[in-house]
């Protein structure tokens, strides 16, 4: 089945990534194994990027809590050594009843003039609500461009998020699954990635 994606979405084809994702789909993996896979998947995708910045420019790295933390090392270890970065964390969760994003942590300062672009780290885009909210926040913050890195997404989620700021946002996704279920989970997906990363499925 051919999946149509918005023009500001890039889906690089990579055999290494596909193999890692296949392993991640096994729900019996321990959290340490899940974290290792996400890190390696992020590294694989990051190597396909062309991250460029002038000597006087700083790139904002936006880590979406909590799952985005698992992508941080894989991303930072594979960007050019001469690229200056500033790391910010953003907390947004999806309300289980409404499936709408709820912002609970945002300490972005007044945007420094030398920050013109941002890279967003969040492993899953399901309904697209959280991704859309983050892009909207960064657009209002005043950056000129955002690049959103996601390991697994859906057409509906990408359609939602990519439409928020099509001229200023670029999405790089490792894989696309066909749909979400009534609870907002990607199908076939990888389950609740936050719980799997941090061993909190039984909280």
Protein backbone atom coordinates (compact mmCIF):
# COMPACT_ATOMS: atom_id res chain seq x y z
CA UNK A 1 0.00 0.00 0.00
CA UNK A 2 1.34 3.42 -0.99
CA UNK A 3 1.15 5.99 1.80
CA UNK A 4 0.86 9.63 0.79
CA UNK A 5 2.77 12.04 3.01
CA UNK A 6 2.78 15.85 3.17
CA UNK A 7 5.52 17.59 1.14
CA UNK A 8 7.36 18.75 4.28
CA UNK A 9 7.77 15.15 5.48
CA UNK A 10 10.86 13.12 4.59
CA UNK A 11 10.92 9.36 5.05
CA UNK A 12 14.45 8.07 4.42
CA UNK A 13 14.67 4.40 3.47
CA UNK A 14 17.26 2.65 5.59
CA UNK A 15 17.75 -1.11 6.04
CA UNK A 16 19.53 -0.70 9.38
CA UNK A 17 16.66 1.34 10.77
CA UNK A 18 14.09 -1.16 9.49
CA UNK A 19 15.92 -3.99 11.25
CA UNK A 20 16.07 -2.05 14.54
CA UNK A 21 12.37 -1.19 14.34
CA UNK A 22 11.50 -4.83 13.77
CA UNK A 23 13.28 -5.68 17.02
CA UNK A 24 11.55 -2.81 18.86
CA UNK A 25 8.12 -4.21 17.97
CA UNK A 26 8.73 -7.17 20.30
CA UNK A 27 6.82 -6.18 23.45
CA UNK A 28 8.80 -8.47 25.76
CA UNK A 29 12.02 -6.43 25.57
CA UNK A 30 13.46 -5.03 28.78
CA UNK A 31 13.58 -1.23 29.18
CA UNK A 32 17.38 -1.25 28.77
CA UNK A 33 16.96 -2.94 25.39
CA UNK A 34 14.23 -0.50 24.33
CA UNK A 35 16.42 2.47 25.26
CA UNK A 36 19.37 1.04 23.35
CA UNK A 37 17.25 0.47 20.25
CA UNK A 38 15.80 3.98 20.29
CA UNK A 39 19.27 5.46 20.71
CA UNK A 40 20.60 3.47 17.75
CA UNK A 41 17.55 4.25 15.62
CA UNK A 42 17.99 7.96 16.37
CA UNK A 43 21.67 7.79 15.44
CA UNK A 44 20.78 6.11 12.15
CA UNK A 45 18.26 8.81 11.23
CA UNK A 46 20.47 11.68 12.41
CA UNK A 47 23.23 10.54 10.06
CA UNK A 48 20.88 11.19 7.12
CA UNK A 49 20.44 14.84 8.08
CA UNK A 50 22.35 17.84 6.76
CA UNK A 51 22.69 19.88 9.94
CA UNK A 52 24.24 23.20 9.07
CA UNK A 53 24.76 26.35 11.11
CA UNK A 54 27.05 29.37 10.94
CA UNK A 55 29.77 29.93 13.55
CA UNK A 56 27.64 32.55 15.28
CA UNK A 57 24.46 30.49 15.25
CA UNK A 58 23.19 28.13 17.94
CA UNK A 59 20.71 25.33 17.21
CA UNK A 60 17.98 24.70 19.76
CA UNK A 61 17.52 21.03 20.60
CA UNK A 62 14.01 20.49 21.98
CA UNK A 63 13.59 17.28 23.97
CA UNK A 64 9.92 16.38 24.39
CA UNK A 65 9.46 14.75 27.80
CA UNK A 66 9.61 12.02 28.63
CA UNK A 67 10.19 9.80 25.64
CA UNK A 68 12.35 12.30 23.78
CA UNK A 69 15.05 11.80 26.41
CA UNK A 70 15.79 8.41 24.87
CA UNK A 71 16.74 10.08 21.58
CA UNK A 72 19.07 12.70 23.03
CA UNK A 73 22.39 10.83 23.02
CA UNK A 74 21.78 9.24 19.63
CA UNK A 75 21.14 12.70 18.19
CA UNK A 76 23.89 14.67 19.93
CA UNK A 77 26.56 12.05 19.23
CA UNK A 78 25.94 12.31 15.48
CA UNK A 79 25.76 16.01 14.71
CA UNK A 80 28.83 17.92 13.50
CA UNK A 81 31.24 18.77 16.31
CA UNK A 82 31.40 22.42 15.26
CA UNK A 83 27.63 22.99 15.58
CA UNK A 84 26.69 24.96 18.69
CA UNK A 85 23.60 23.72 20.53
CA UNK A 86 21.34 24.79 23.38
CA UNK A 87 19.14 22.09 24.90
CA UNK A 88 15.61 22.76 26.16
CA UNK A 89 13.00 20.37 27.56
CA UNK A 90 9.29 20.58 26.91
CA UNK A 91 6.67 18.59 28.79
CA UNK A 92 3.45 17.76 26.94
CA UNK A 93 1.24 14.75 27.55
CA UNK A 94 -1.84 13.42 25.80
CA UNK A 95 -5.03 13.43 27.86
CA UNK A 96 -6.34 9.86 27.83
CA UNK A 97 -9.98 10.90 27.52
CA UNK A 98 -9.84 13.74 24.99
CA UNK A 99 -6.56 12.69 23.29
CA UNK A 100 -5.68 16.41 23.32
CA UNK A 101 -2.18 17.66 24.24
CA UNK A 102 -1.69 19.14 27.71
CA UNK A 103 1.38 21.30 28.32
CA UNK A 104 2.87 20.93 31.79
CA UNK A 105 6.49 22.09 31.43
CA UNK A 106 7.90 24.87 29.29
CA UNK A 107 10.90 26.93 30.41
CA UNK A 108 11.80 28.44 27.05
CA UNK A 109 13.43 31.83 27.66
CA UNK A 110 12.99 34.87 25.47
CA UNK A 111 14.48 33.58 22.23
CA UNK A 112 18.12 34.57 21.80
CA UNK A 113 18.86 36.25 18.47
CA UNK A 114 21.48 33.64 17.57
CA UNK A 115 18.93 30.80 17.66
CA UNK A 116 17.24 30.57 14.28
CA UNK A 117 16.37 26.87 13.98
CA UNK A 118 15.34 24.04 16.26
CA UNK A 119 15.46 20.25 16.19
CA UNK A 120 12.65 18.45 18.04
CA UNK A 121 13.13 14.95 19.45
CA UNK A 122 10.07 12.77 20.09
CA UNK A 123 10.03 9.10 19.06
CA UNK A 124 6.34 8.71 18.13
CA UNK A 125 3.79 10.81 16.25
CA UNK A 126 0.43 9.06 16.63
CA UNK A 127 -2.54 11.45 16.41
CA UNK A 128 -0.17 14.36 15.87
CA UNK A 129 -1.59 16.47 18.69
CA UNK A 130 1.61 16.71 20.73
CA UNK A 131 3.78 17.28 17.66
CA UNK A 132 1.45 20.00 16.40
CA UNK A 133 1.51 21.72 19.80
CA UNK A 134 5.32 21.71 19.95
CA UNK A 135 5.64 23.11 16.43
CA UNK A 136 3.11 25.85 17.26
CA UNK A 137 5.01 26.77 20.43
CA UNK A 138 8.32 27.04 18.56
CA UNK A 139 6.76 29.02 15.74
CA UNK A 140 5.44 31.50 18.32
CA UNK A 141 8.87 31.48 20.01
CA UNK A 142 10.25 33.00 16.83
CA UNK A 143 12.54 30.44 15.20
CA UNK A 144 12.75 30.45 11.42
CA UNK A 145 12.69 26.68 10.96
CA UNK A 146 12.02 23.50 12.93
CA UNK A 147 13.02 19.95 12.09
CA UNK A 148 11.06 17.24 13.88
CA UNK A 149 12.70 13.83 14.30
CA UNK A 150 10.41 10.85 14.91
CA UNK A 151 11.10 7.14 14.81
CA UNK A 152 7.54 6.02 14.01
CA UNK A 153 4.54 7.98 12.80
CA UNK A 154 1.16 7.67 11.11
CA UNK A 155 -0.27 9.42 8.05
CA UNK A 156 -3.02 11.08 10.12
CA UNK A 157 -0.54 12.28 12.73
CA UNK A 158 1.88 13.63 10.17
CA UNK A 159 -0.94 15.28 8.26
CA UNK A 160 -2.06 17.06 11.43
CA UNK A 161 1.37 18.17 12.62
CA UNK A 162 2.83 19.04 9.24
CA UNK A 163 -0.10 21.36 8.45
CA UNK A 164 0.57 23.65 11.43
CA UNK A 165 3.49 25.45 9.80
CA UNK A 166 4.19 23.87 6.40
CA UNK A 167 6.58 26.58 5.23
CA UNK A 168 8.71 26.48 8.38
CA UNK A 169 8.64 22.86 9.53
CA UNK A 170 10.33 19.72 8.25
CA UNK A 171 9.57 16.23 9.56
CA UNK A 172 12.04 13.36 9.30
CA UNK A 173 10.43 10.02 10.16
CA UNK A 174 12.03 6.59 10.26
CA UNK A 175 8.86 4.61 9.53
CA UNK A 176 5.14 5.10 9.00
CA UNK A 177 2.46 2.72 10.29
CA UNK A 178 -1.02 2.93 8.75
CA UNK A 179 -3.32 4.04 11.57
CA UNK A 180 -4.15 4.78 15.20
CA UNK A 181 -6.71 2.97 17.35
CA UNK A 182 -9.51 4.50 19.44
CA UNK A 183 -7.08 5.11 22.31
CA UNK A 184 -4.69 7.00 20.06
CA UNK A 185 -2.03 4.29 19.82
CA UNK A 186 -0.17 3.59 16.57
CA UNK A 187 -1.17 0.32 14.88
CA UNK A 188 0.62 -2.05 14.67
CA UNK A 189 3.02 0.27 16.46
CA UNK A 190 5.37 -0.37 19.37
CA UNK A 191 3.02 0.11 22.32
CA UNK A 192 3.30 2.87 24.92
CA UNK A 193 6.90 3.86 24.27
CA UNK A 194 7.23 5.88 27.48
CA UNK A 195 6.21 2.95 29.66
CA UNK A 196 8.45 0.61 27.70
CA UNK A 197 11.44 2.93 27.95
CA UNK A 198 11.20 3.44 31.68
CA UNK A 199 9.54 0.27 32.95
CA UNK A 200 6.37 2.01 34.19
CA UNK A 201 3.73 -0.13 32.48
CA UNK A 202 2.43 -1.29 35.84
CA UNK A 203 2.36 2.09 37.62
